Amino acid sequence: MAATSRDAAIRPFSYEAPESELDELRRRIAATRWPDKEPVSDQSQGVRLATMQSLARYWASAYDWRKCEARLDALPQFMTEIDGLDIHFIHVRSKHEDALPLIITHGWPGSIVEQLKIVEPLTNPTEHGGTAADAFDLVIPSMPGYGFSGKATTTGWDAEHIARAWVELMRRLGYKQFVAQGGDWGALIVDLMGVQAPPELLGIHTNMAGAVPPEIDRAALAGAPAPAGLSAEEKQVYDRLAFFYSKGLAYAQEMGNRPQTLYGIADSPIGLAAWILDHDDSSEELIARVFDGKSEGLTRDDVLDNITLYWLTNTAISASRLYWENKLGFFAPKGVTVPVAVSVFPDEIYAAPRGWAEQAYPNLIHYNKLDKGGHFAAWEQPALFTQELRTGVRSLRPA
């Protein structure tokens, strides 16, 4: 059914958290009932007590949500209804003519906060080491159930549905040609956009390639020995993938099977923060170092901006339901036919070898392995991410 003019309206959006909610957040943090310290010296049992108590002290006494709110409100934000659900998005048009329209999708446990550092470099490249020919018009939506977007009251909002909705969003904004980028869930969504291949989509860029060959994925998931014939690089990637499936996938399994059971992360700020931090080993180690006072690609405020957004919007459970909706392998090839650019950051959950990427994406136009960066590449390494995106889709720009 075609959307009515009212449904298709694009409405300005802004947000200001009630001070009473921020006071209540600090009260709940202070009232946390802590468990005993883990009996191990590493993170093998989960997020360490010292990390969480350091985070809590800063969150309750020094962190200022209003700074994040000001950063968001400085950007043009909008809301529009697609398939009966309100979709929130940031939309920044470049001052440069012929800017390439680009839609970027975040993942879990991320949000639009992941992309805030790359808005200026992508839309205003001449002030950030690029040329006018590198400019993008930028669209950054909040996925359904995340952040300021609506929460579905019926089932069916899976990654394929979101992929179709993003195409509708770009059409609604008047774009006749565009590219799409994503990591984590965003990577799955842009892959599916590439499978659906609408005529407006020029190509995609991913920083978490869906490229693990099916037989290798099955073996890793089963915890089997590495298949014969793998190169040294592929064997290393296999071991890392198998470790993630055996030790690091518990959060996804719980959300994939019983998301509604996770009442604790909707009721306890510290419960929510620990659940969000326990995503992958490399990211957790980085964030632990941040709260231990080390200088990293992320700051304490970066981490807490994202967690606080989840808390204030009460989206811990609604965001989790995307895992329940999903029936696709996170890292499996999907059958993408459009041009694809792949950037591989070394601390990603798995670092796709070139041969796997070439096999998964027959129209591979760019492949590069970076020296640093992890799962939240745009957030942690915005300069490297910006350069990769500029380079990766440069050949797709209309002449």
Protein backbone atom coordinates (compact mmCIF):
# COMPACT_ATOMS: atom_id res chain seq x y z
CA MET A 1 0.00 0.00 0.00
CA ALA A 2 1.36 3.42 -0.92
CA ALA A 3 2.05 5.81 1.92
CA THR A 4 -0.32 8.72 2.31
CA SER A 5 1.07 12.24 2.20
CA ARG A 6 0.69 12.45 5.99
CA ASP A 7 2.52 9.14 6.51
CA ALA A 8 5.31 10.27 4.18
CA ALA A 9 5.78 13.62 5.91
CA ILE A 10 9.28 14.42 7.14
CA ARG A 11 9.05 16.11 10.53
CA PRO A 12 11.82 18.01 12.33
CA PHE A 13 12.96 16.32 15.53
CA SER A 14 14.84 17.33 18.65
CA TYR A 15 15.20 15.82 22.09
CA GLU A 16 15.77 17.12 25.61
CA ALA A 17 15.85 14.64 28.46
CA PRO A 18 13.81 15.70 31.50
CA GLU A 19 16.13 16.60 34.36
CA SER A 20 14.09 14.28 36.57
CA GLU A 21 15.11 11.31 34.39
CA LEU A 22 18.78 12.21 34.69
CA ASP A 23 18.40 12.52 38.46
CA GLU A 24 16.71 9.12 38.56
CA LEU A 25 19.50 7.61 36.47
CA ARG A 26 22.12 8.86 38.92
CA ARG A 27 20.06 7.60 41.86
CA ARG A 28 19.81 4.13 40.36
CA ILE A 29 23.55 4.01 39.66
CA ALA A 30 24.30 4.96 43.25
CA ALA A 31 21.89 2.29 44.52
CA THR A 32 23.52 -0.54 42.55
CA ARG A 33 23.84 -3.82 44.44
CA TRP A 34 27.24 -5.09 43.42
CA PRO A 35 28.25 -8.74 43.10
CA ASP A 36 31.48 -10.08 44.53
CA LYS A 37 34.69 -9.72 42.55
CA GLU A 38 35.38 -12.27 39.84
CA PRO A 39 37.78 -15.02 40.98
CA VAL A 40 39.89 -14.77 37.80
CA SER A 41 42.45 -12.20 36.70
CA ASP A 42 41.09 -11.72 33.18
CA GLN A 43 37.71 -11.10 31.51
CA SER A 44 36.96 -14.78 30.90
CA GLN A 45 33.96 -14.59 33.27
CA GLY A 46 32.68 -11.32 31.81
CA VAL A 47 33.07 -7.60 32.41
CA ARG A 48 35.28 -7.13 35.46
CA LEU A 49 34.01 -5.55 38.67
CA ALA A 50 36.74 -2.89 38.69
CA THR A 51 35.73 -1.72 35.20
CA MET A 52 32.07 -1.46 36.14
CA GLN A 53 32.72 0.35 39.41
CA SER A 54 35.00 2.85 37.66
CA LEU A 55 32.31 3.39 35.02
CA ALA A 56 29.65 3.84 37.72
CA ARG A 57 31.67 6.44 39.64
CA TYR A 58 32.18 8.54 36.54
CA TRP A 59 28.61 8.08 35.25
CA ALA A 60 27.03 9.13 38.53
CA SER A 61 29.28 12.06 39.42
CA ALA A 62 31.06 13.56 36.39
CA TYR A 63 29.34 12.51 33.15
CA ASP A 64 27.17 15.15 31.44
CA TRP A 65 24.51 13.87 29.03
CA ARG A 66 23.69 17.45 28.01
CA LYS A 67 26.95 17.62 26.03
CA CYS A 68 25.84 14.69 23.86
CA GLU A 69 22.38 16.20 23.57
CA ALA A 70 23.93 19.45 22.30
CA ARG A 71 25.97 17.56 19.68
CA LEU A 72 22.84 15.83 18.45
CA ASP A 73 20.74 18.97 18.43
CA ALA A 74 23.41 20.77 16.41
CA LEU A 75 22.62 18.37 13.55
CA PRO A 76 19.45 18.36 11.43
CA GLN A 77 17.29 15.53 12.78
CA PHE A 78 13.99 14.29 11.45
CA MET A 79 11.26 11.71 11.85
CA THR A 80 9.18 10.01 9.18
CA GLU A 81 6.76 7.10 9.20
CA ILE A 82 7.62 4.04 7.11
CA ASP A 83 5.38 0.96 7.13
CA GLY A 84 3.57 2.25 10.19
CA LEU A 85 6.70 2.93 12.27
CA ASP A 86 8.38 6.24 13.06
CA ILE A 87 11.96 6.30 11.80
CA HIS A 88 14.38 8.84 13.25
CA PHE A 89 17.34 10.02 11.18
CA ILE A 90 20.06 12.62 10.93
CA HIS A 91 20.28 14.27 7.51
CA VAL A 92 23.21 16.56 6.72
CA ARG A 93 23.53 17.95 3.21
CA SER A 94 26.99 18.94 2.06
CA LYS A 95 27.68 22.49 0.92
CA HIS A 96 29.51 21.01 -2.08
CA GLU A 97 27.69 20.45 -5.35
CA ASP A 98 27.43 16.88 -6.64
CA ALA A 99 27.88 15.41 -3.16
CA LEU A 100 27.19 11.67 -3.22
CA PRO A 101 24.17 10.64 -1.10
CA LEU A 102 25.17 8.08 1.53
CA ILE A 103 23.09 6.22 4.12
CA ILE A 104 25.03 4.77 7.08
CA THR A 105 23.59 2.14 9.42
CA HIS A 106 24.78 1.49 12.98
CA GLY A 107 24.63 -1.84 14.81
CA TRP A 108 24.15 -3.32 18.29
CA PRO A 109 25.11 -2.34 20.93
CA GLY A 110 25.65 0.89 19.04
CA SER A 111 23.50 3.76 17.89
CA ILE A 112 23.72 6.96 15.88
CA VAL A 113 26.33 8.02 18.47
CA GLU A 114 28.79 5.77 16.60
CA GLN A 115 28.68 8.07 13.57
CA LEU A 116 28.87 11.53 15.14
CA LYS A 117 32.64 11.90 14.60
CA ILE A 118 32.43 11.25 10.86
CA VAL A 119 29.61 13.67 9.99
CA GLU A 120 31.85 16.69 9.44
CA PRO A 121 34.68 14.87 7.57
CA LEU A 122 32.21 13.24 5.19
CA THR A 123 30.03 16.26 4.49
CA ASN A 124 32.75 18.92 4.64
CA PRO A 125 35.85 17.17 3.26
CA THR A 126 37.78 20.30 2.29
CA GLU A 127 38.18 21.06 6.00
CA HIS A 128 39.21 17.49 6.80
CA GLY A 129 41.96 16.43 4.42
CA GLY A 130 39.84 15.81 1.34
CA THR A 131 38.58 17.63 -1.73
CA ALA A 132 35.12 18.77 -2.80
CA ALA A 133 34.95 15.63 -4.95
CA ASP A 134 34.93 13.56 -1.73
CA ALA A 135 31.75 15.15 -0.38
CA PHE A 136 28.72 13.18 0.78
CA ASP A 137 25.15 14.07 1.64
CA LEU A 138 24.73 12.02 4.80
CA VAL A 139 21.70 10.14 6.14
CA ILE A 140 22.09 8.32 9.48
CA PRO A 141 18.92 6.54 10.64
CA SER A 142 18.22 4.95 14.00
CA MET A 143 17.18 1.34 13.40
CA PRO A 144 13.64 0.39 14.47
CA GLY A 145 13.58 -0.16 18.23
CA TYR A 146 16.81 1.77 18.69
CA GLY A 147 17.34 5.31 19.94
CA PHE A 148 14.60 7.71 18.92
CA SER A 149 12.99 5.47 16.28
CA GLY A 150 9.68 3.79 17.04
CA LYS A 151 9.36 0.38 18.68
CA ALA A 152 7.49 -2.17 16.60
CA THR A 153 4.34 -3.56 18.21
CA THR A 154 4.16 -6.45 15.72
CA THR A 155 6.78 -8.87 14.44
CA GLY A 156 8.40 -8.59 11.04
CA TRP A 157 10.94 -5.81 11.37
CA ASP A 158 13.94 -7.94 10.44
CA ALA A 159 17.07 -6.86 8.57
CA GLU A 160 15.43 -7.43 5.18
CA HIS A 161 12.54 -5.17 6.15
CA ILE A 162 14.94 -2.49 7.38
CA ALA A 163 16.88 -2.71 4.10
CA ARG A 164 13.67 -2.03 2.15
CA ALA A 165 12.76 0.80 4.51
CA TRP A 166 16.12 2.50 3.98
CA VAL A 167 15.55 2.53 0.23
CA GLU A 168 12.13 4.09 0.81
CA LEU A 169 13.73 6.67 3.11
CA MET A 170 16.29 7.67 0.47
CA ARG A 171 13.59 7.88 -2.18
CA ARG A 172 11.49 10.01 0.14
CA LEU A 173 14.43 12.39 0.53
CA GLY A 174 14.54 12.76 -3.24
CA TYR A 175 17.73 10.84 -3.95
CA LYS A 176 17.86 9.14 -7.36
CA GLN A 177 21.25 7.51 -6.73
CA PHE A 178 23.02 6.69 -3.48
CA VAL A 179 25.49 4.38 -1.73
CA ALA A 180 25.05 2.56 1.58
CA GLN A 181 27.48 1.76 4.40
CA GLY A 182 27.24 -0.40 7.50
CA GLY A 183 28.99 -2.36 10.23
CA ASP A 184 27.58 -4.95 12.64
CA TRP A 185 23.80 -5.06 11.95
CA GLY A 186 24.45 -2.28 9.47
CA ALA A 187 26.72 -4.65 7.54
CA LEU A 188 23.96 -7.23 7.32
CA ILE A 189 21.47 -4.56 6.24
CA VAL A 190 23.66 -3.12 3.49
CA ASP A 191 24.40 -6.64 2.25
CA LEU A 192 20.64 -7.18 1.96
CA MET A 193 20.23 -3.87 0.19
CA GLY A 194 22.83 -5.21 -2.22
CA VAL A 195 20.81 -8.39 -2.66
CA GLN A 196 17.59 -6.46 -3.24
CA ALA A 197 19.56 -4.21 -5.63
CA PRO A 198 17.12 -1.32 -6.10
CA PRO A 199 17.99 0.73 -9.20
CA GLU A 200 19.01 3.73 -7.08
CA LEU A 201 21.70 1.82 -5.18
CA LEU A 202 25.12 2.37 -6.77
CA GLY A 203 26.97 0.10 -4.36
CA ILE A 204 27.81 -0.59 -0.72
CA HIS A 205 30.71 -0.29 1.71
CA THR A 206 31.04 -2.69 4.63
CA ASN A 207 33.46 -2.89 7.54
CA MET A 208 32.19 -6.33 8.60
CA ALA A 209 32.07 -8.39 5.44
CA GLY A 210 29.57 -11.22 5.07
CA ALA A 211 32.15 -13.46 3.50
CA VAL A 212 32.77 -16.64 5.54
CA PRO A 213 32.38 -19.66 3.22
CA PRO A 214 29.43 -21.82 4.39
CA GLU A 215 31.45 -24.95 5.11
CA ILE A 216 33.95 -22.96 7.18
CA ASP A 217 31.18 -21.19 9.06
CA ARG A 218 29.50 -24.51 9.90
CA ALA A 219 32.74 -25.99 11.18
CA ALA A 220 33.53 -22.94 13.33
CA LEU A 221 30.03 -22.89 14.78
CA ALA A 222 30.31 -26.59 15.65
CA GLY A 223 33.72 -26.11 17.26
CA ALA A 224 35.30 -28.55 14.83
CA PRO A 225 39.00 -28.56 13.90
CA ALA A 226 39.92 -26.18 11.10
CA PRO A 227 39.10 -27.59 7.65
CA ALA A 228 42.05 -28.79 5.59
CA GLY A 229 43.55 -26.55 2.96
CA LEU A 230 43.31 -23.22 4.76
CA SER A 231 46.15 -20.76 4.35
CA ALA A 232 47.94 -19.49 7.46
CA GLU A 233 45.84 -16.31 7.36
CA GLU A 234 42.61 -18.26 6.91
CA LYS A 235 43.51 -20.62 9.75
CA GLN A 236 44.09 -17.67 12.06
CA VAL A 237 40.74 -16.16 11.06
CA TYR A 238 39.06 -19.54 11.55
CA ASP A 239 40.44 -19.90 15.07
CA ARG A 240 39.23 -16.43 15.99
CA LEU A 241 35.79 -17.09 14.55
CA ALA A 242 35.52 -20.43 16.35
CA PHE A 243 36.50 -18.74 19.62
CA PHE A 244 33.81 -16.10 19.14
CA TYR A 245 31.17 -18.73 18.44
CA SER A 246 32.15 -20.75 21.50
CA LYS A 247 32.88 -17.99 24.02
CA GLY A 248 31.59 -14.68 22.71
CA LEU A 249 28.14 -15.31 21.25
CA ALA A 250 26.13 -15.80 24.44
CA TYR A 251 24.56 -12.33 24.33
CA ALA A 252 23.33 -12.87 20.77
CA GLN A 253 21.94 -16.30 21.61
CA GLU A 254 19.98 -14.91 24.56
CA MET A 255 18.57 -12.00 22.54
CA GLY A 256 17.92 -14.29 19.59
CA ASN A 257 15.86 -16.68 21.70
CA ARG A 258 14.47 -14.83 24.73
CA PRO A 259 14.87 -11.05 24.39
CA GLN A 260 11.86 -10.27 26.56
CA THR A 261 13.48 -12.06 29.51
CA LEU A 262 16.17 -9.39 29.80
CA TYR A 263 14.19 -7.19 32.19
CA GLY A 264 17.34 -6.50 34.21
CA ILE A 265 18.90 -4.39 31.46
CA ALA A 266 15.75 -2.26 31.24
CA ASP A 267 15.62 -1.77 35.03
CA SER A 268 19.28 -1.37 36.03
CA PRO A 269 21.66 1.15 34.42
CA ILE A 270 24.67 -0.88 35.53
CA GLY A 271 23.06 -4.07 34.22
CA LEU A 272 22.53 -2.34 30.88
CA ALA A 273 26.07 -0.98 30.78
CA ALA A 274 27.63 -4.37 31.53
CA TRP A 275 25.48 -6.06 28.87
CA ILE A 276 26.53 -3.47 26.29
CA LEU A 277 30.24 -3.66 27.18
CA ASP A 278 30.30 -7.46 26.90
CA HIS A 279 30.10 -7.53 23.10
CA ASP A 280 33.47 -8.74 21.84
CA ASP A 281 36.79 -9.24 23.58
CA SER A 282 38.75 -6.54 21.74
CA SER A 283 36.12 -3.85 22.30
CA GLU A 284 35.68 -4.83 25.93
CA GLU A 285 39.43 -4.69 26.54
CA LEU A 286 39.62 -1.26 24.89
CA ILE A 287 36.74 0.10 27.01
CA ALA A 288 38.26 -1.38 30.17
CA ARG A 289 41.47 0.50 29.40
CA VAL A 290 39.45 3.70 28.87
CA PHE A 291 37.94 3.44 32.35
CA ASP A 292 41.37 2.63 33.72
CA GLY A 293 42.52 6.05 32.54
CA LYS A 294 44.28 5.04 29.33
CA SER A 295 44.04 7.13 26.15
CA GLU A 296 42.23 5.19 23.43
CA GLY A 297 40.18 5.82 20.30
CA LEU A 298 37.12 6.07 22.56
CA THR A 299 36.67 8.21 25.66
CA ARG A 300 34.59 7.60 28.77
CA ASP A 301 32.06 10.10 27.44
CA ASP A 302 31.88 8.28 24.09
CA VAL A 303 30.99 5.04 25.82
CA LEU A 304 28.48 6.61 28.19
CA ASP A 305 26.82 8.73 25.50
CA ASN A 306 25.80 5.51 23.78
CA ILE A 307 24.71 3.69 26.95
CA THR A 308 22.78 6.71 28.21
CA LEU A 309 20.91 6.97 24.91
CA TYR A 310 19.74 3.38 25.38
CA TRP A 311 18.72 4.16 28.96
CA LEU A 312 16.81 7.38 28.28
CA THR A 313 14.91 5.89 25.33
CA ASN A 314 14.25 2.60 27.18
CA THR A 315 15.34 0.62 24.13
CA ALA A 316 17.36 -2.18 25.73
CA ILE A 317 14.63 -4.75 25.05
CA SER A 318 13.23 -3.34 21.80
CA ALA A 319 16.73 -3.26 20.30
CA SER A 320 17.35 -6.85 21.38
CA ARG A 321 14.37 -8.10 19.39
CA LEU A 322 16.22 -7.66 16.10
CA TYR A 323 18.23 -10.75 17.05
CA TRP A 324 14.98 -12.69 17.57
CA GLU A 325 13.75 -11.56 14.15
CA ASN A 326 16.94 -12.56 12.35
CA LYS A 327 17.21 -15.89 10.53
CA LEU A 328 20.42 -15.15 8.61
CA GLY A 329 24.06 -15.89 9.42
CA PHE A 330 25.90 -12.78 10.52
CA PHE A 331 29.03 -13.52 8.54
CA ALA A 332 27.61 -15.63 5.70
CA PRO A 333 27.59 -14.51 2.06
CA LYS A 334 24.14 -13.25 1.06
CA GLY A 335 24.41 -13.14 -2.73
CA VAL A 336 25.17 -9.44 -3.17
CA THR A 337 25.26 -8.40 -6.80
CA VAL A 338 26.00 -4.66 -6.64
CA PRO A 339 29.52 -3.20 -6.39
CA VAL A 340 31.05 -3.69 -2.93
CA ALA A 341 33.91 -2.02 -1.05
CA VAL A 342 35.33 -3.91 1.94
CA SER A 343 37.46 -2.43 4.72
CA VAL A 344 38.97 -4.88 7.22
CA PHE A 345 39.91 -3.53 10.65
CA PRO A 346 42.27 -5.86 12.53
CA ASP A 347 40.32 -6.06 15.82
CA GLU A 348 37.00 -6.84 14.15
CA ILE A 349 35.25 -10.04 15.30
CA TYR A 350 36.79 -11.67 12.26
CA ALA A 351 39.07 -10.15 9.62
CA ALA A 352 37.85 -11.35 6.22
CA PRO A 353 40.70 -12.51 3.98
CA ARG A 354 40.72 -11.08 0.47
CA GLY A 355 39.99 -14.46 -1.11
CA TRP A 356 36.82 -14.88 0.95
CA ALA A 357 35.70 -11.35 0.08
CA GLU A 358 36.29 -11.93 -3.62
CA GLN A 359 34.26 -15.13 -3.48
CA ALA A 360 31.38 -13.55 -1.52
CA TYR A 361 31.26 -10.34 -3.53
CA PRO A 362 31.76 -11.01 -7.26
CA ASN A 363 31.64 -7.27 -7.92
CA LEU A 364 34.33 -6.33 -5.35
CA ILE A 365 35.68 -2.88 -6.21
CA HIS A 366 37.83 -2.22 -3.13
CA TYR A 367 39.50 -4.31 -0.43
CA ASN A 368 41.89 -3.01 2.20
CA LYS A 369 43.23 -4.22 5.53
CA LEU A 370 43.89 -1.49 8.07
CA ASP A 371 46.63 -1.42 10.73
CA LYS A 372 44.37 -0.49 13.64
CA GLY A 373 40.73 -0.29 14.61
CA GLY A 374 38.03 -2.67 15.73
CA HIS A 375 34.35 -3.43 15.61
CA PHE A 376 33.19 0.18 16.10
CA ALA A 377 35.43 1.55 13.36
CA ALA A 378 33.72 4.88 12.64
CA TRP A 379 33.56 5.63 16.36
CA GLU A 380 37.04 4.48 17.31
CA GLN A 381 39.06 5.41 14.21
CA PRO A 382 37.05 8.13 12.42
CA ALA A 383 39.95 9.44 10.32
CA LEU A 384 40.85 5.98 8.97
CA PHE A 385 37.20 5.13 8.46
CA THR A 386 36.55 8.36 6.56
CA GLN A 387 39.51 7.77 4.25
CA GLU A 388 38.45 4.18 3.61
CA LEU A 389 34.91 5.21 2.75
CA ARG A 390 36.06 7.99 0.43
CA THR A 391 38.48 5.66 -1.36
CA GLY A 392 36.21 2.64 -1.39
CA VAL A 393 33.26 4.22 -3.21
CA ARG A 394 35.12 6.81 -5.28
CA SER A 395 34.67 4.83 -8.50
CA LEU A 396 30.88 4.80 -7.94
CA ARG A 397 30.48 8.55 -8.10
CA PRO A 398 28.52 9.61 -11.19
CA ALA A 399 30.73 11.23 -13.78
